[in-house]
mmCIF file of all heavy atoms, coordinates in Angstrom:
data_MODEL
# 
_entry.id   MODEL 
# 
loop_
_atom_site.group_PDB 
_atom_site.id 
_atom_site.type_symbol 
_atom_site.label_atom_id 
_atom_site.label_alt_id 
_atom_site.label_comp_id 
_atom_site.label_asym_id 
_atom_site.label_entity_id 
_atom_site.label_seq_id 
_atom_site.pdbx_PDB_ins_code 
_atom_site.Cartn_x 
_atom_site.Cartn_y 
_atom_site.Cartn_z 
_atom_site.occupancy 
_atom_site.B_iso_or_equiv 
_atom_site.pdbx_formal_charge 
_atom_site.auth_seq_id 
_atom_site.auth_comp_id 
_atom_site.auth_asym_id 
_atom_site.auth_atom_id 
_atom_site.pdbx_PDB_model_num 
ATOM 1   N N   . ASN A 1 1  ? -5.933 13.395 -10.816 1.00 0.00 ? 1  ASN A N   1 
ATOM 2   C CA  . ASN A 1 1  ? -5.470 12.198 -11.526 1.00 0.00 ? 1  ASN A CA  1 
ATOM 3   C C   . ASN A 1 1  ? -4.017 12.322 -11.984 1.00 0.00 ? 1  ASN A C   1 
ATOM 4   O O   . ASN A 1 1  ? -3.661 11.972 -13.115 1.00 0.00 ? 1  ASN A O   1 
ATOM 5   C CB  . ASN A 1 1  ? -6.366 11.919 -12.725 1.00 0.00 ? 1  ASN A CB  1 
ATOM 6   C CG  . ASN A 1 1  ? -6.691 10.443 -12.874 1.00 0.00 ? 1  ASN A CG  1 
ATOM 7   O OD1 . ASN A 1 1  ? -6.817 9.741  -11.874 1.00 0.00 ? 1  ASN A OD1 1 
ATOM 8   N ND2 . ASN A 1 1  ? -6.815 9.972  -14.093 1.00 0.00 ? 1  ASN A ND2 1 
ATOM 9   N N   . LEU A 1 2  ? -3.143 12.796 -11.103 1.00 0.00 ? 2  LEU A N   1 
ATOM 10  C CA  . LEU A 1 2  ? -1.743 13.012 -11.436 1.00 0.00 ? 2  LEU A CA  1 
ATOM 11  C C   . LEU A 1 2  ? -0.938 11.713 -11.323 1.00 0.00 ? 2  LEU A C   1 
ATOM 12  O O   . LEU A 1 2  ? -1.281 10.826 -10.540 1.00 0.00 ? 2  LEU A O   1 
ATOM 13  C CB  . LEU A 1 2  ? -1.133 14.060 -10.492 1.00 0.00 ? 2  LEU A CB  1 
ATOM 14  C CG  . LEU A 1 2  ? -1.709 15.471 -10.573 1.00 0.00 ? 2  LEU A CG  1 
ATOM 15  C CD1 . LEU A 1 2  ? -1.088 16.351 -9.493  1.00 0.00 ? 2  LEU A CD1 1 
ATOM 16  C CD2 . LEU A 1 2  ? -1.492 16.070 -11.951 1.00 0.00 ? 2  LEU A CD2 1 
ATOM 17  N N   . PRO A 1 3  ? 0.145  11.584 -12.088 1.00 0.00 ? 3  PRO A N   1 
ATOM 18  C CA  . PRO A 1 3  ? 1.024  10.415 -11.935 1.00 0.00 ? 3  PRO A CA  1 
ATOM 19  C C   . PRO A 1 3  ? 1.662  10.403 -10.551 1.00 0.00 ? 3  PRO A C   1 
ATOM 20  O O   . PRO A 1 3  ? 1.914  11.442 -9.946  1.00 0.00 ? 3  PRO A O   1 
ATOM 21  C CB  . PRO A 1 3  ? 2.058  10.600 -13.042 1.00 0.00 ? 3  PRO A CB  1 
ATOM 22  C CG  . PRO A 1 3  ? 2.028  12.057 -13.362 1.00 0.00 ? 3  PRO A CG  1 
ATOM 23  C CD  . PRO A 1 3  ? 0.624  12.506 -13.124 1.00 0.00 ? 3  PRO A CD  1 
ATOM 24  N N   . VAL A 1 4  ? 1.943  9.190  -10.070 1.00 0.00 ? 4  VAL A N   1 
ATOM 25  C CA  . VAL A 1 4  ? 2.464  8.995  -8.721  1.00 0.00 ? 4  VAL A CA  1 
ATOM 26  C C   . VAL A 1 4  ? 3.813  8.297  -8.801  1.00 0.00 ? 4  VAL A C   1 
ATOM 27  O O   . VAL A 1 4  ? 4.000  7.372  -9.593  1.00 0.00 ? 4  VAL A O   1 
ATOM 28  C CB  . VAL A 1 4  ? 1.488  8.138  -7.881  1.00 0.00 ? 4  VAL A CB  1 
ATOM 29  C CG1 . VAL A 1 4  ? 2.013  7.945  -6.457  1.00 0.00 ? 4  VAL A CG1 1 
ATOM 30  C CG2 . VAL A 1 4  ? 0.101  8.762  -7.872  1.00 0.00 ? 4  VAL A CG2 1 
ATOM 31  N N   . MET A 1 5  ? 4.766  8.755  -7.986  1.00 0.00 ? 5  MET A N   1 
ATOM 32  C CA  . MET A 1 5  ? 6.062  8.088  -7.863  1.00 0.00 ? 5  MET A CA  1 
ATOM 33  C C   . MET A 1 5  ? 6.280  7.727  -6.399  1.00 0.00 ? 5  MET A C   1 
ATOM 34  O O   . MET A 1 5  ? 6.173  8.587  -5.518  1.00 0.00 ? 5  MET A O   1 
ATOM 35  C CB  . MET A 1 5  ? 7.185  8.983  -8.382  1.00 0.00 ? 5  MET A CB  1 
ATOM 36  C CG  . MET A 1 5  ? 7.063  9.325  -9.859  1.00 0.00 ? 5  MET A CG  1 
ATOM 37  S SD  . MET A 1 5  ? 8.510  10.193 -10.534 1.00 0.00 ? 5  MET A SD  1 
ATOM 38  C CE  . MET A 1 5  ? 9.709  8.848  -10.604 1.00 0.00 ? 5  MET A CE  1 
ATOM 39  N N   . VAL A 1 6  ? 6.552  6.457  -6.140  1.00 0.00 ? 6  VAL A N   1 
ATOM 40  C CA  . VAL A 1 6  ? 6.788  5.966  -4.784  1.00 0.00 ? 6  VAL A CA  1 
ATOM 41  C C   . VAL A 1 6  ? 8.266  5.615  -4.662  1.00 0.00 ? 6  VAL A C   1 
ATOM 42  O O   . VAL A 1 6  ? 8.774  4.775  -5.418  1.00 0.00 ? 6  VAL A O   1 
ATOM 43  C CB  . VAL A 1 6  ? 5.925  4.732  -4.478  1.00 0.00 ? 6  VAL A CB  1 
ATOM 44  C CG1 . VAL A 1 6  ? 6.214  4.228  -3.054  1.00 0.00 ? 6  VAL A CG1 1 
ATOM 45  C CG2 . VAL A 1 6  ? 4.445  5.052  -4.635  1.00 0.00 ? 6  VAL A CG2 1 
ATOM 46  N N   . TYR A 1 7  ? 8.940  6.239  -3.710  1.00 0.00 ? 7  TYR A N   1 
ATOM 47  C CA  . TYR A 1 7  ? 10.394 6.070  -3.557  1.00 0.00 ? 7  TYR A CA  1 
ATOM 48  C C   . TYR A 1 7  ? 10.727 5.194  -2.366  1.00 0.00 ? 7  TYR A C   1 
ATOM 49  O O   . TYR A 1 7  ? 10.198 5.388  -1.265  1.00 0.00 ? 7  TYR A O   1 
ATOM 50  C CB  . TYR A 1 7  ? 11.067 7.430  -3.383  1.00 0.00 ? 7  TYR A CB  1 
ATOM 51  C CG  . TYR A 1 7  ? 12.575 7.340  -3.341  1.00 0.00 ? 7  TYR A CG  1 
ATOM 52  C CD1 . TYR A 1 7  ? 13.304 7.154  -4.507  1.00 0.00 ? 7  TYR A CD1 1 
ATOM 53  C CD2 . TYR A 1 7  ? 13.272 7.422  -2.138  1.00 0.00 ? 7  TYR A CD2 1 
ATOM 54  C CE1 . TYR A 1 7  ? 14.688 7.047  -4.482  1.00 0.00 ? 7  TYR A CE1 1 
ATOM 55  C CE2 . TYR A 1 7  ? 14.652 7.328  -2.095  1.00 0.00 ? 7  TYR A CE2 1 
ATOM 56  C CZ  . TYR A 1 7  ? 15.352 7.144  -3.277  1.00 0.00 ? 7  TYR A CZ  1 
ATOM 57  O OH  . TYR A 1 7  ? 16.718 7.032  -3.243  1.00 0.00 ? 7  TYR A OH  1 
ATOM 58  N N   . ILE A 1 8  ? 11.645 4.234  -2.578  1.00 0.00 ? 8  ILE A N   1 
ATOM 59  C CA  . ILE A 1 8  ? 12.150 3.373  -1.508  1.00 0.00 ? 8  ILE A CA  1 
ATOM 60  C C   . ILE A 1 8  ? 13.604 3.744  -1.242  1.00 0.00 ? 8  ILE A C   1 
ATOM 61  O O   . ILE A 1 8  ? 14.443 3.671  -2.142  1.00 0.00 ? 8  ILE A O   1 
ATOM 62  C CB  . ILE A 1 8  ? 12.048 1.888  -1.892  1.00 0.00 ? 8  ILE A CB  1 
ATOM 63  C CG1 . ILE A 1 8  ? 10.603 1.532  -2.262  1.00 0.00 ? 8  ILE A CG1 1 
ATOM 64  C CG2 . ILE A 1 8  ? 12.531 1.010  -0.738  1.00 0.00 ? 8  ILE A CG2 1 
ATOM 65  C CD1 . ILE A 1 8  ? 10.426 0.102  -2.728  1.00 0.00 ? 8  ILE A CD1 1 
ATOM 66  N N   . HIS A 1 9  ? 13.893 4.132  -0.015  1.00 0.00 ? 9  HIS A N   1 
ATOM 67  C CA  . HIS A 1 9  ? 15.242 4.614  0.305   1.00 0.00 ? 9  HIS A CA  1 
ATOM 68  C C   . HIS A 1 9  ? 16.241 3.473  0.382   1.00 0.00 ? 9  HIS A C   1 
ATOM 69  O O   . HIS A 1 9  ? 15.907 2.305  0.636   1.00 0.00 ? 9  HIS A O   1 
ATOM 70  C CB  . HIS A 1 9  ? 15.229 5.409  1.613   1.00 0.00 ? 9  HIS A CB  1 
ATOM 71  C CG  . HIS A 1 9  ? 15.027 4.571  2.848   1.00 0.00 ? 9  HIS A CG  1 
ATOM 72  N ND1 . HIS A 1 9  ? 16.043 3.829  3.430   1.00 0.00 ? 9  HIS A ND1 1 
ATOM 73  C CD2 . HIS A 1 9  ? 13.940 4.372  3.636   1.00 0.00 ? 9  HIS A CD2 1 
ATOM 74  C CE1 . HIS A 1 9  ? 15.590 3.222  4.508   1.00 0.00 ? 9  HIS A CE1 1 
ATOM 75  N NE2 . HIS A 1 9  ? 14.318 3.516  4.650   1.00 0.00 ? 9  HIS A NE2 1 
ATOM 76  N N   . GLY A 1 10 ? 17.507 3.801  0.197   1.00 0.00 ? 10 GLY A N   1 
ATOM 77  C CA  . GLY A 1 10 ? 18.605 2.856  0.342   1.00 0.00 ? 10 GLY A CA  1 
ATOM 78  C C   . GLY A 1 10 ? 19.186 2.890  1.741   1.00 0.00 ? 10 GLY A C   1 
ATOM 79  O O   . GLY A 1 10 ? 18.615 3.472  2.661   1.00 0.00 ? 10 GLY A O   1 
ATOM 80  N N   . GLY A 1 11 ? 20.350 2.263  1.887   1.00 0.00 ? 11 GLY A N   1 
ATOM 81  C CA  . GLY A 1 11 ? 21.006 2.196  3.183   1.00 0.00 ? 11 GLY A CA  1 
ATOM 82  C C   . GLY A 1 11 ? 21.364 0.790  3.588   1.00 0.00 ? 11 GLY A C   1 
ATOM 83  O O   . GLY A 1 11 ? 21.484 0.494  4.788   1.00 0.00 ? 11 GLY A O   1 
ATOM 84  N N   . GLY A 1 12 ? 21.531 -0.106 2.599   1.00 0.00 ? 12 GLY A N   1 
ATOM 85  C CA  . GLY A 1 12 ? 21.961 -1.458 2.909   1.00 0.00 ? 12 GLY A CA  1 
ATOM 86  C C   . GLY A 1 12 ? 20.968 -2.259 3.726   1.00 0.00 ? 12 GLY A C   1 
ATOM 87  O O   . GLY A 1 12 ? 21.355 -3.202 4.417   1.00 0.00 ? 12 GLY A O   1 
ATOM 88  N N   . TYR A 1 13 ? 19.701 -1.899 3.683   1.00 0.00 ? 13 TYR A N   1 
ATOM 89  C CA  . TYR A 1 13 ? 18.659 -2.554 4.481   1.00 0.00 ? 13 TYR A CA  1 
ATOM 90  C C   . TYR A 1 13 ? 18.921 -2.430 5.975   1.00 0.00 ? 13 TYR A C   1 
ATOM 91  O O   . TYR A 1 13 ? 18.327 -3.170 6.770   1.00 0.00 ? 13 TYR A O   1 
ATOM 92  C CB  . TYR A 1 13 ? 18.520 -4.036 4.104   1.00 0.00 ? 13 TYR A CB  1 
ATOM 93  C CG  . TYR A 1 13 ? 18.012 -4.270 2.707   1.00 0.00 ? 13 TYR A CG  1 
ATOM 94  C CD1 . TYR A 1 13 ? 18.885 -4.646 1.683   1.00 0.00 ? 13 TYR A CD1 1 
ATOM 95  C CD2 . TYR A 1 13 ? 16.665 -4.115 2.395   1.00 0.00 ? 13 TYR A CD2 1 
ATOM 96  C CE1 . TYR A 1 13 ? 18.429 -4.868 0.394   1.00 0.00 ? 13 TYR A CE1 1 
ATOM 97  C CE2 . TYR A 1 13 ? 16.192 -4.337 1.110   1.00 0.00 ? 13 TYR A CE2 1 
ATOM 98  C CZ  . TYR A 1 13 ? 17.088 -4.711 0.108   1.00 0.00 ? 13 TYR A CZ  1 
ATOM 99  O OH  . TYR A 1 13 ? 16.617 -4.926 -1.168  1.00 0.00 ? 13 TYR A OH  1 
ATOM 100 N N   . SER A 1 14 ? 19.782 -1.500 6.369   1.00 0.00 ? 14 SER A N   1 
ATOM 101 C CA  . SER A 1 14 ? 20.099 -1.365 7.792   1.00 0.00 ? 14 SER A CA  1 
ATOM 102 C C   . SER A 1 14 ? 20.007 0.068  8.291   1.00 0.00 ? 14 SER A C   1 
ATOM 103 O O   . SER A 1 14 ? 20.052 0.302  9.504   1.00 0.00 ? 14 SER A O   1 
ATOM 104 C CB  . SER A 1 14 ? 21.504 -1.901 8.082   1.00 0.00 ? 14 SER A CB  1 
ATOM 105 O OG  . SER A 1 14 ? 22.486 -1.167 7.368   1.00 0.00 ? 14 SER A OG  1 
ATOM 106 N N   . GLU A 1 15 ? 19.888 1.032  7.392   1.00 0.00 ? 15 GLU A N   1 
ATOM 107 C CA  . GLU A 1 15 ? 19.797 2.430  7.821   1.00 0.00 ? 15 GLU A CA  1 
ATOM 108 C C   . GLU A 1 15 ? 19.057 3.220  6.759   1.00 0.00 ? 15 GLU A C   1 
ATOM 109 O O   . GLU A 1 15 ? 18.722 2.722  5.684   1.00 0.00 ? 15 GLU A O   1 
ATOM 110 C CB  . GLU A 1 15 ? 21.190 3.020  8.039   1.00 0.00 ? 15 GLU A CB  1 
ATOM 111 C CG  . GLU A 1 15 ? 22.074 3.009  6.820   1.00 0.00 ? 15 GLU A CG  1 
ATOM 112 C CD  . GLU A 1 15 ? 23.481 3.497  7.098   1.00 0.00 ? 15 GLU A CD  1 
ATOM 113 O OE1 . GLU A 1 15 ? 24.042 3.137  8.157   1.00 0.00 ? 15 GLU A OE1 1 
ATOM 114 O OE2 . GLU A 1 15 ? 24.017 4.237  6.254   1.00 0.00 ? 15 GLU A OE2 1 
ATOM 115 N N   . GLY A 1 16 ? 18.805 4.512  7.078   1.00 0.00 ? 16 GLY A N   1 
ATOM 116 C CA  . GLY A 1 16 ? 18.127 5.393  6.145   1.00 0.00 ? 16 GLY A CA  1 
ATOM 117 C C   . GLY A 1 16 ? 16.665 5.599  6.509   1.00 0.00 ? 16 GLY A C   1 
ATOM 118 O O   . GLY A 1 16 ? 16.113 4.972  7.418   1.00 0.00 ? 16 GLY A O   1 
ATOM 119 N N   . SER A 1 17 ? 16.017 6.506  5.782   1.00 0.00 ? 17 SER A N   1 
ATOM 120 C CA  . SER A 1 17 ? 14.596 6.793  5.975   1.00 0.00 ? 17 SER A CA  1 
ATOM 121 C C   . SER A 1 17 ? 14.086 7.547  4.752   1.00 0.00 ? 17 SER A C   1 
ATOM 122 O O   . SER A 1 17 ? 14.864 7.925  3.875   1.00 0.00 ? 17 SER A O   1 
ATOM 123 C CB  . SER A 1 17 ? 14.374 7.641  7.241   1.00 0.00 ? 17 SER A CB  1 
ATOM 124 O OG  . SER A 1 17 ? 14.784 8.984  7.020   1.00 0.00 ? 17 SER A OG  1 
ATOM 125 N N   . GLY A 1 18 ? 12.789 7.753  4.718   1.00 0.00 ? 18 GLY A N   1 
ATOM 126 C CA  . GLY A 1 18 ? 12.189 8.497  3.620   1.00 0.00 ? 18 GLY A CA  1 
ATOM 127 C C   . GLY A 1 18 ? 12.059 9.979  3.900   1.00 0.00 ? 18 GLY A C   1 
ATOM 128 O O   . GLY A 1 18 ? 11.285 10.673 3.237   1.00 0.00 ? 18 GLY A O   1 
ATOM 129 N N   . ASN A 1 19 ? 12.809 10.492 4.871   1.00 0.00 ? 19 ASN A N   1 
ATOM 130 C CA  . ASN A 1 19 ? 12.688 11.897 5.259   1.00 0.00 ? 19 ASN A CA  1 
ATOM 131 C C   . ASN A 1 19 ? 13.087 12.842 4.132   1.00 0.00 ? 19 ASN A C   1 
ATOM 132 O O   . ASN A 1 19 ? 13.943 12.535 3.308   1.00 0.00 ? 19 ASN A O   1 
ATOM 133 C CB  . ASN A 1 19 ? 13.552 12.184 6.491   1.00 0.00 ? 19 ASN A CB  1 
ATOM 134 C CG  . ASN A 1 19 ? 13.045 11.448 7.720   1.00 0.00 ? 19 ASN A CG  1 
ATOM 135 O OD1 . ASN A 1 19 ? 11.948 10.910 7.721   1.00 0.00 ? 19 ASN A OD1 1 
ATOM 136 N ND2 . ASN A 1 19 ? 13.854 11.400 8.758   1.00 0.00 ? 19 ASN A ND2 1 
ATOM 137 N N   . SER A 1 20 ? 12.505 14.027 4.147   1.00 0.00 ? 20 SER A N   1 
ATOM 138 C CA  . SER A 1 20 ? 12.718 14.979 3.060   1.00 0.00 ? 20 SER A CA  1 
ATOM 139 C C   . SER A 1 20 ? 14.071 15.670 3.113   1.00 0.00 ? 20 SER A C   1 
ATOM 140 O O   . SER A 1 20 ? 14.447 16.353 2.160   1.00 0.00 ? 20 SER A O   1 
ATOM 141 C CB  . SER A 1 20 ? 11.622 16.057 3.090   1.00 0.00 ? 20 SER A CB  1 
ATOM 142 O OG  . SER A 1 20 ? 11.700 16.830 4.278   1.00 0.00 ? 20 SER A OG  1 
ATOM 143 N N   . ALA A 1 21 ? 14.822 15.492 4.215   1.00 0.00 ? 21 ALA A N   1 
ATOM 144 C CA  . ALA A 1 21 ? 16.145 16.103 4.287   1.00 0.00 ? 21 ALA A CA  1 
ATOM 145 C C   . ALA A 1 21 ? 17.015 15.649 3.122   1.00 0.00 ? 21 ALA A C   1 
ATOM 146 O O   . ALA A 1 21 ? 17.853 16.407 2.614   1.00 0.00 ? 21 ALA A O   1 
ATOM 147 C CB  . ALA A 1 21 ? 16.816 15.758 5.613   1.00 0.00 ? 21 ALA A CB  1 
ATOM 148 N N   . ILE A 1 22 ? 16.820 14.397 2.673   1.00 0.00 ? 22 ILE A N   1 
ATOM 149 C CA  . ILE A 1 22 ? 17.554 13.885 1.519   1.00 0.00 ? 22 ILE A CA  1 
ATOM 150 C C   . ILE A 1 22 ? 16.621 13.661 0.345   1.00 0.00 ? 22 ILE A C   1 
ATOM 151 O O   . ILE A 1 22 ? 16.949 13.997 -0.794  1.00 0.00 ? 22 ILE A O   1 
ATOM 152 C CB  . ILE A 1 22 ? 18.266 12.563 1.878   1.00 0.00 ? 22 ILE A CB  1 
ATOM 153 C CG1 . ILE A 1 22 ? 19.265 12.792 3.015   1.00 0.00 ? 22 ILE A CG1 1 
ATOM 154 C CG2 . ILE A 1 22 ? 18.989 11.983 0.663   1.00 0.00 ? 22 ILE A CG2 1 
ATOM 155 C CD1 . ILE A 1 22 ? 19.966 11.530 3.476   1.00 0.00 ? 22 ILE A CD1 1 
ATOM 156 N N   . TYR A 1 23 ? 15.445 13.108 0.613   1.00 0.00 ? 23 TYR A N   1 
ATOM 157 C CA  . TYR A 1 23 ? 14.539 12.710 -0.469  1.00 0.00 ? 23 TYR A CA  1 
ATOM 158 C C   . TYR A 1 23 ? 13.319 13.628 -0.513  1.00 0.00 ? 23 TYR A C   1 
ATOM 159 O O   . TYR A 1 23 ? 12.181 13.191 -0.314  1.00 0.00 ? 23 TYR A O   1 
ATOM 160 C CB  . TYR A 1 23 ? 14.126 11.251 -0.282  1.00 0.00 ? 23 TYR A CB  1 
ATOM 161 C CG  . TYR A 1 23 ? 15.306 10.326 -0.127  1.00 0.00 ? 23 TYR A CG  1 
ATOM 162 C CD1 . TYR A 1 23 ? 15.507 9.597  1.036   1.00 0.00 ? 23 TYR A CD1 1 
ATOM 163 C CD2 . TYR A 1 23 ? 16.238 10.202 -1.148  1.00 0.00 ? 23 TYR A CD2 1 
ATOM 164 C CE1 . TYR A 1 23 ? 16.601 8.749  1.183   1.00 0.00 ? 23 TYR A CE1 1 
ATOM 165 C CE2 . TYR A 1 23 ? 17.340 9.370  -1.013  1.00 0.00 ? 23 TYR A CE2 1 
ATOM 166 C CZ  . TYR A 1 23 ? 17.514 8.651  0.153   1.00 0.00 ? 23 TYR A CZ  1 
ATOM 167 O OH  . TYR A 1 23 ? 18.595 7.824  0.283   1.00 0.00 ? 23 TYR A OH  1 
ATOM 168 N N   . GLY A 1 24 ? 13.566 14.903 -0.750  1.00 0.00 ? 24 GLY A N   1 
ATOM 169 C CA  . GLY A 1 24 ? 12.497 15.877 -0.820  1.00 0.00 ? 24 GLY A CA  1 
ATOM 170 C C   . GLY A 1 24 ? 11.831 15.910 -2.182  1.00 0.00 ? 24 GLY A C   1 
ATOM 171 O O   . GLY A 1 24 ? 12.278 15.282 -3.140  1.00 0.00 ? 24 GLY A O   1 
ATOM 172 N N   . PRO A 1 25 ? 10.750 16.674 -2.300  1.00 0.00 ? 25 PRO A N   1 
ATOM 173 C CA  . PRO A 1 25 ? 9.934  16.641 -3.511  1.00 0.00 ? 25 PRO A CA  1 
ATOM 174 C C   . PRO A 1 25 ? 10.252 17.704 -4.551  1.00 0.00 ? 25 PRO A C   1 
ATOM 175 O O   . PRO A 1 25 ? 9.637  17.713 -5.620  1.00 0.00 ? 25 PRO A O   1 
ATOM 176 C CB  . PRO A 1 25 ? 8.535  16.893 -2.944  1.00 0.00 ? 25 PRO A CB  1 
ATOM 177 C CG  . PRO A 1 25 ? 8.784  17.860 -1.813  1.00 0.00 ? 25 PRO A CG  1 
ATOM 178 C CD  . PRO A 1 25 ? 10.115 17.448 -1.208  1.00 0.00 ? 25 PRO A CD  1 
ATOM 179 N N   . ASN A 1 26 ? 11.194 18.591 -4.279  1.00 0.00 ? 26 ASN A N   1 
ATOM 180 C CA  . ASN A 1 26 ? 11.322 19.797 -5.102  1.00 0.00 ? 26 ASN A CA  1 
ATOM 181 C C   . ASN A 1 26 ? 11.602 19.523 -6.576  1.00 0.00 ? 26 ASN A C   1 
ATOM 182 O O   . ASN A 1 26 ? 11.175 20.287 -7.447  1.00 0.00 ? 26 ASN A O   1 
ATOM 183 C CB  . ASN A 1 26 ? 12.422 20.697 -4.529  1.00 0.00 ? 26 ASN A CB  1 
ATOM 184 C CG  . ASN A 1 26 ? 12.041 21.268 -3.179  1.00 0.00 ? 26 ASN A CG  1 
ATOM 185 O OD1 . ASN A 1 26 ? 10.861 21.375 -2.863  1.00 0.00 ? 26 ASN A OD1 1 
ATOM 186 N ND2 . ASN A 1 26 ? 13.016 21.597 -2.356  1.00 0.00 ? 26 ASN A ND2 1 
ATOM 187 N N   . ASN A 1 27 ? 12.317 18.447 -6.888  1.00 0.00 ? 27 ASN A N   1 
ATOM 188 C CA  . ASN A 1 27 ? 12.650 18.178 -8.286  1.00 0.00 ? 27 ASN A CA  1 
ATOM 189 C C   . ASN A 1 27 ? 11.535 17.470 -9.042  1.00 0.00 ? 27 ASN A C   1 
ATOM 190 O O   . ASN A 1 27 ? 11.642 17.292 -10.266 1.00 0.00 ? 27 ASN A O   1 
ATOM 191 C CB  . ASN A 1 27 ? 13.927 17.335 -8.368  1.00 0.00 ? 27 ASN A CB  1 
ATOM 192 C CG  . ASN A 1 27 ? 15.147 18.105 -7.913  1.00 0.00 ? 27 ASN A CG  1 
ATOM 193 O OD1 . ASN A 1 27 ? 15.248 19.309 -8.113  1.00 0.00 ? 27 ASN A OD1 1 
ATOM 194 N ND2 . ASN A 1 27 ? 16.080 17.415 -7.273  1.00 0.00 ? 27 ASN A ND2 1 
ATOM 195 N N   . LEU A 1 28 ? 10.497 17.052 -8.344  1.00 0.00 ? 28 LEU A N   1 
ATOM 196 C CA  . LEU A 1 28 ? 9.408  16.333 -9.009  1.00 0.00 ? 28 LEU A CA  1 
ATOM 197 C C   . LEU A 1 28 ? 8.088  17.089 -8.991  1.00 0.00 ? 28 LEU A C   1 
ATOM 198 O O   . LEU A 1 28 ? 7.306  16.998 -9.936  1.00 0.00 ? 28 LEU A O   1 
ATOM 199 C CB  . LEU A 1 28 ? 9.216  14.959 -8.341  1.00 0.00 ? 28 LEU A CB  1 
ATOM 200 C CG  . LEU A 1 28 ? 10.375 13.963 -8.506  1.00 0.00 ? 28 LEU A CG  1 
ATOM 201 C CD1 . LEU A 1 28 ? 10.150 12.732 -7.647  1.00 0.00 ? 28 LEU A CD1 1 
ATOM 202 C CD2 . LEU A 1 28 ? 10.527 13.566 -9.964  1.00 0.00 ? 28 LEU A CD2 1 
ATOM 203 N N   . ILE A 1 29 ? 7.843  17.819 -7.905  1.00 0.00 ? 29 ILE A N   1 
ATOM 204 C CA  . ILE A 1 29 ? 6.563  18.512 -7.763  1.00 0.00 ? 29 ILE A CA  1 
ATOM 205 C C   . ILE A 1 29 ? 6.295  19.443 -8.925  1.00 0.00 ? 29 ILE A C   1 
ATOM 206 O O   . ILE A 1 29 ? 5.177  19.526 -9.452  1.00 0.00 ? 29 ILE A O   1 
ATOM 207 C CB  . ILE A 1 29 ? 6.526  19.288 -6.429  1.00 0.00 ? 29 ILE A CB  1 
ATOM 208 C CG1 . ILE A 1 29 ? 6.393  18.309 -5.267  1.00 0.00 ? 29 ILE A CG1 1 
ATOM 209 C CG2 . ILE A 1 29 ? 5.384  20.298 -6.405  1.00 0.00 ? 29 ILE A CG2 1 
ATOM 210 C CD1 . ILE A 1 29 ? 5.093  17.545 -5.238  1.00 0.00 ? 29 ILE A CD1 1 
# 
C-alpha cells in the first residue's frame, strides 16, 4: 500500500519518453 507517483515527460509534445536514462527511480525509491 505504498504511495504512487506517475510522471509525464516533457518535450514540447513532440519528443521525449519515459525512459530511465533521464527519468529514473533512484531519487524516489
